[in-house]
Amino acid sequence: MSIVPSGELGTPESRATIGDRLRRVRQQQSLSIRQLAVLAGISKTSVVQVESGRTSRKSTYLKVAEVLGLHLDHLAHSKSPEDKPFIVHRREDDAWFDLANFGEGRLPPEAQGDGSDTRKRLAEQKGVVPLNILACRLERGRIKPTIMELYGPSSTRSHAGEEHVYVISGTALLTIGSAEVQLKEGESVTFWSGEPHMYAPAPDSDLPARILSVRVDT
């Protein structure tokens, strides 16, 4: 039988970091909070407290780490590449799709990279809304960032979760439910994306109006 040391664990900041890493591993192993609590012999409340860093009892962290097959000191000082907590999008990662038909694959090669003239032509001739799906998405993460070029109005959309739109250049006009929101460069809006919404450049905007859209799915 292993003896679990007692005492307190680190600072509130380090506990929050360790707790978040434990949560990610639990999710990767497809364990619910209830299942982990049973296997660790602790309450569901204790698991929630560990994952949020709201308890300082080292013994509780150790019980959770043991069930997940992890070493607590490794979690606290992890430097290995597989534990890198971020993903970077580089210019060479750009991948342009049509907002309404991204499931059909990328736009033609000449529309990729610096092919803004081709994207403009596709927008004018075929109603394409160029969408750059950014590669900086965490595995199992919920944040989905994209860049859109608006030459004309998009189709109306609706999906679960929340969405934040920030205007990079030009002026954008968003219709959210029955309301219209006009945003200049540097302005932004957050909304429940289950509401019907559409994107368009404002009538007096330079084209394209470029926006950053960040979705958080539920």
Protein backbone atom coordinates (compact mmCIF):
# COMPACT_ATOMS: atom_id res chain seq x y z
CA MET A 1 0.00 0.00 0.00
CA SER A 2 1.36 3.42 -0.95
CA ILE A 3 1.46 6.17 1.65
CA VAL A 4 0.32 9.53 0.34
CA PRO A 5 2.23 12.47 1.85
CA SER A 6 0.21 15.22 3.49
CA GLY A 7 0.77 18.96 3.43
CA GLU A 8 -0.07 21.82 1.13
CA LEU A 9 0.73 22.12 -2.55
CA GLY A 10 2.42 25.20 -4.00
CA THR A 11 0.94 28.61 -4.65
CA PRO A 12 -2.61 29.33 -5.87
CA GLU A 13 -1.15 29.97 -9.35
CA SER A 14 0.78 26.69 -9.48
CA ARG A 15 -2.23 24.77 -8.17
CA ALA A 16 -4.40 26.25 -10.90
CA THR A 17 -1.85 25.19 -13.54
CA ILE A 18 -1.57 21.65 -12.18
CA GLY A 19 -5.34 21.37 -11.84
CA ASP A 20 -5.88 22.43 -15.45
CA ARG A 21 -3.33 19.86 -16.64
CA LEU A 22 -5.08 17.16 -14.62
CA ARG A 23 -8.42 18.16 -16.14
CA ARG A 24 -7.03 17.91 -19.68
CA VAL A 25 -5.62 14.44 -19.03
CA ARG A 26 -8.89 13.30 -17.44
CA GLN A 27 -10.76 14.42 -20.56
CA GLN A 28 -8.20 12.73 -22.83
CA GLN A 29 -8.83 9.50 -20.92
CA SER A 30 -12.61 9.98 -21.33
CA LEU A 31 -13.22 9.95 -17.59
CA SER A 32 -16.07 11.92 -16.06
CA ILE A 33 -15.62 13.80 -12.80
CA ARG A 34 -17.81 11.20 -11.09
CA GLN A 35 -15.73 8.28 -12.43
CA LEU A 36 -12.47 9.90 -11.38
CA ALA A 37 -13.85 10.62 -7.90
CA VAL A 38 -14.84 6.97 -7.42
CA LEU A 39 -11.46 5.66 -8.62
CA ALA A 40 -9.55 8.13 -6.42
CA GLY A 41 -11.76 7.53 -3.39
CA ILE A 42 -12.68 11.19 -3.02
CA SER A 43 -15.81 13.26 -3.56
CA LYS A 44 -16.84 14.91 -6.84
CA THR A 45 -16.47 18.24 -5.06
CA SER A 46 -12.84 17.41 -4.31
CA VAL A 47 -12.17 16.65 -8.00
CA VAL A 48 -13.71 19.98 -9.01
CA GLN A 49 -11.60 21.76 -6.38
CA VAL A 50 -8.43 20.05 -7.63
CA GLU A 51 -9.10 20.89 -11.28
CA SER A 52 -9.81 24.53 -10.46
CA GLY A 53 -6.88 24.85 -8.03
CA ARG A 54 -9.20 25.73 -5.16
CA THR A 55 -7.72 23.29 -2.65
CA SER A 56 -4.18 23.17 -1.29
CA ARG A 57 -4.25 19.59 0.07
CA LYS A 58 -1.37 17.83 -1.66
CA SER A 59 -2.78 14.43 -0.75
CA THR A 60 -5.89 15.09 -2.85
CA TYR A 61 -3.82 16.08 -5.90
CA LEU A 62 -1.70 12.96 -5.46
CA LYS A 63 -4.76 10.69 -5.37
CA VAL A 64 -6.07 12.20 -8.61
CA ALA A 65 -2.65 12.04 -10.30
CA GLU A 66 -2.20 8.40 -9.28
CA VAL A 67 -5.49 7.37 -10.89
CA LEU A 68 -4.50 9.17 -14.11
CA GLY A 69 -1.08 7.52 -14.14
CA LEU A 70 0.76 10.80 -13.66
CA HIS A 71 3.63 12.00 -11.50
CA LEU A 72 2.71 15.16 -9.62
CA ASP A 73 6.23 16.64 -9.76
CA HIS A 74 6.28 16.07 -13.53
CA LEU A 75 2.99 17.95 -13.85
CA ALA A 76 4.34 20.83 -11.81
CA HIS A 77 7.57 21.21 -13.80
CA SER A 78 6.62 19.81 -17.20
CA LYS A 79 8.91 20.95 -20.02
CA SER A 80 8.50 18.14 -22.53
CA PRO A 81 7.26 19.02 -26.05
CA GLU A 82 4.16 16.82 -25.76
CA ASP A 83 3.03 18.94 -22.81
CA LYS A 84 3.33 22.26 -24.69
CA PRO A 85 0.24 24.23 -23.64
CA PHE A 86 -0.10 26.32 -26.82
CA ILE A 87 -0.33 26.06 -30.62
CA VAL A 88 0.95 28.75 -32.99
CA HIS A 89 -0.51 29.70 -36.37
CA ARG A 90 2.12 30.81 -38.90
CA ARG A 91 1.49 32.57 -42.21
CA GLU A 92 2.36 29.38 -44.08
CA ASP A 93 -0.47 27.65 -42.18
CA ASP A 94 -3.12 29.84 -43.85
CA ALA A 95 -5.91 27.76 -45.38
CA TRP A 96 -8.72 29.63 -47.17
CA PHE A 97 -12.18 28.09 -47.53
CA ASP A 98 -15.66 29.34 -48.41
CA LEU A 99 -17.62 30.08 -45.23
CA ALA A 100 -20.79 28.45 -46.55
CA ASN A 101 -19.06 25.43 -48.09
CA PHE A 102 -15.88 24.80 -46.08
CA GLY A 103 -16.74 21.09 -45.96
CA GLU A 104 -15.98 20.92 -49.68
CA GLY A 105 -12.32 21.71 -49.09
CA ARG A 106 -10.00 24.62 -49.66
CA LEU A 107 -10.44 27.32 -52.27
CA PRO A 108 -8.25 26.88 -55.40
CA PRO A 109 -4.47 27.16 -54.90
CA GLU A 110 -4.37 30.57 -56.53
CA ALA A 111 -6.74 31.84 -53.80
CA GLN A 112 -4.40 30.76 -51.01
CA GLY A 113 -1.64 32.84 -49.43
CA ASP A 114 -1.45 36.27 -51.03
CA GLY A 115 -4.18 35.44 -53.57
CA SER A 116 -6.51 38.21 -52.42
CA ASP A 117 -7.31 39.18 -56.03
CA THR A 118 -8.56 35.65 -56.68
CA ARG A 119 -10.57 35.63 -53.46
CA LYS A 120 -12.12 38.96 -54.47
CA ARG A 121 -13.04 37.56 -57.90
CA LEU A 122 -14.60 34.45 -56.33
CA ALA A 123 -16.56 36.66 -53.94
CA GLU A 124 -17.86 38.89 -56.75
CA GLN A 125 -18.65 36.09 -59.18
CA LYS A 126 -19.76 33.25 -56.91
CA GLY A 127 -20.69 34.90 -53.62
CA VAL A 128 -17.81 33.24 -51.76
CA VAL A 129 -17.03 34.52 -48.26
CA PRO A 130 -13.31 33.72 -47.86
CA LEU A 131 -12.61 32.04 -44.52
CA ASN A 132 -9.11 31.40 -43.15
CA ILE A 133 -9.35 28.59 -40.57
CA LEU A 134 -6.46 29.30 -38.21
CA ALA A 135 -4.31 26.36 -37.17
CA CYS A 136 -3.90 27.53 -33.55
CA ARG A 137 -6.60 25.28 -32.15
CA LEU A 138 -5.83 23.22 -29.08
CA GLU A 139 -6.56 19.52 -29.23
CA ARG A 140 -9.86 19.06 -27.40
CA GLY A 141 -10.02 22.83 -26.98
CA ARG A 142 -13.25 24.73 -27.59
CA ILE A 143 -11.90 27.98 -29.07
CA LYS A 144 -12.14 28.15 -32.88
CA PRO A 145 -10.48 31.26 -34.42
CA THR A 146 -10.97 32.25 -38.05
CA ILE A 147 -10.35 35.26 -40.29
CA MET A 148 -13.04 36.35 -42.78
CA GLU A 149 -12.81 38.68 -45.76
CA LEU A 150 -16.16 40.35 -46.38
CA TYR A 151 -16.87 41.57 -49.92
CA GLY A 152 -20.62 41.08 -49.58
CA PRO A 153 -23.17 39.62 -47.17
CA SER A 154 -22.86 36.05 -45.96
CA SER A 155 -25.72 33.63 -45.64
CA THR A 156 -27.53 33.55 -42.29
CA ARG A 157 -25.94 31.17 -39.80
CA SER A 158 -26.76 29.68 -36.40
CA HIS A 159 -24.73 27.30 -34.21
CA ALA A 160 -24.33 26.46 -30.54
CA GLY A 161 -22.07 28.43 -28.26
CA GLU A 162 -20.67 31.97 -28.15
CA GLU A 163 -18.85 34.06 -30.75
CA HIS A 164 -16.59 37.09 -30.55
CA VAL A 165 -16.02 39.22 -33.67
CA TYR A 166 -13.22 41.82 -33.87
CA VAL A 167 -12.81 44.09 -36.90
CA ILE A 168 -9.24 44.07 -38.23
CA SER A 169 -9.85 46.50 -41.11
CA GLY A 170 -12.75 48.23 -42.81
CA THR A 171 -16.22 48.45 -41.30
CA ALA A 172 -18.37 45.37 -40.69
CA LEU A 173 -22.13 45.11 -40.36
CA LEU A 174 -23.42 42.17 -38.35
CA THR A 175 -27.04 41.18 -38.16
CA ILE A 176 -27.72 39.31 -34.91
CA GLY A 177 -31.31 38.23 -34.48
CA SER A 178 -33.35 41.30 -35.41
CA ALA A 179 -30.56 43.78 -34.54
CA GLU A 180 -27.85 45.29 -36.71
CA VAL A 181 -24.45 46.08 -35.21
CA GLN A 182 -21.98 48.21 -37.16
CA LEU A 183 -18.34 47.93 -36.10
CA LYS A 184 -15.40 50.04 -37.16
CA GLU A 185 -11.77 48.93 -37.20
CA GLY A 186 -10.71 48.00 -33.66
CA GLU A 187 -14.27 47.45 -32.40
CA SER A 188 -15.80 44.13 -31.44
CA VAL A 189 -18.94 42.32 -30.32
CA THR A 190 -19.68 39.09 -28.45
CA PHE A 191 -22.98 37.26 -28.94
CA TRP A 192 -24.80 33.98 -28.44
CA SER A 193 -24.20 32.27 -31.76
CA GLY A 194 -27.39 30.24 -31.49
CA GLU A 195 -29.11 33.45 -32.60
CA PRO A 196 -29.41 33.72 -36.42
CA HIS A 197 -26.59 35.97 -37.60
CA MET A 198 -24.84 37.12 -40.75
CA TYR A 199 -21.75 39.13 -41.66
CA ALA A 200 -21.38 41.87 -44.26
CA PRO A 201 -19.21 44.87 -45.04
CA ALA A 202 -20.88 48.18 -44.17
CA PRO A 203 -22.07 50.10 -47.28
CA ASP A 204 -19.26 52.67 -46.98
CA SER A 205 -16.50 50.19 -46.06
CA ASP A 206 -13.28 49.65 -47.96
CA LEU A 207 -13.25 46.10 -49.33
CA PRO A 208 -12.67 43.64 -48.00
CA ALA A 209 -13.73 44.26 -44.43
CA ARG A 210 -11.56 41.82 -42.49
CA ILE A 211 -12.77 40.33 -39.23
CA LEU A 212 -11.45 37.92 -36.63
CA SER A 213 -14.15 35.52 -35.46
CA VAL A 214 -13.54 33.44 -32.34
CA ARG A 215 -16.12 30.77 -31.61
CA VAL A 216 -16.45 28.95 -28.31
CA ASP A 217 -18.65 25.89 -28.77
CA THR A 218 -20.59 24.43 -25.88
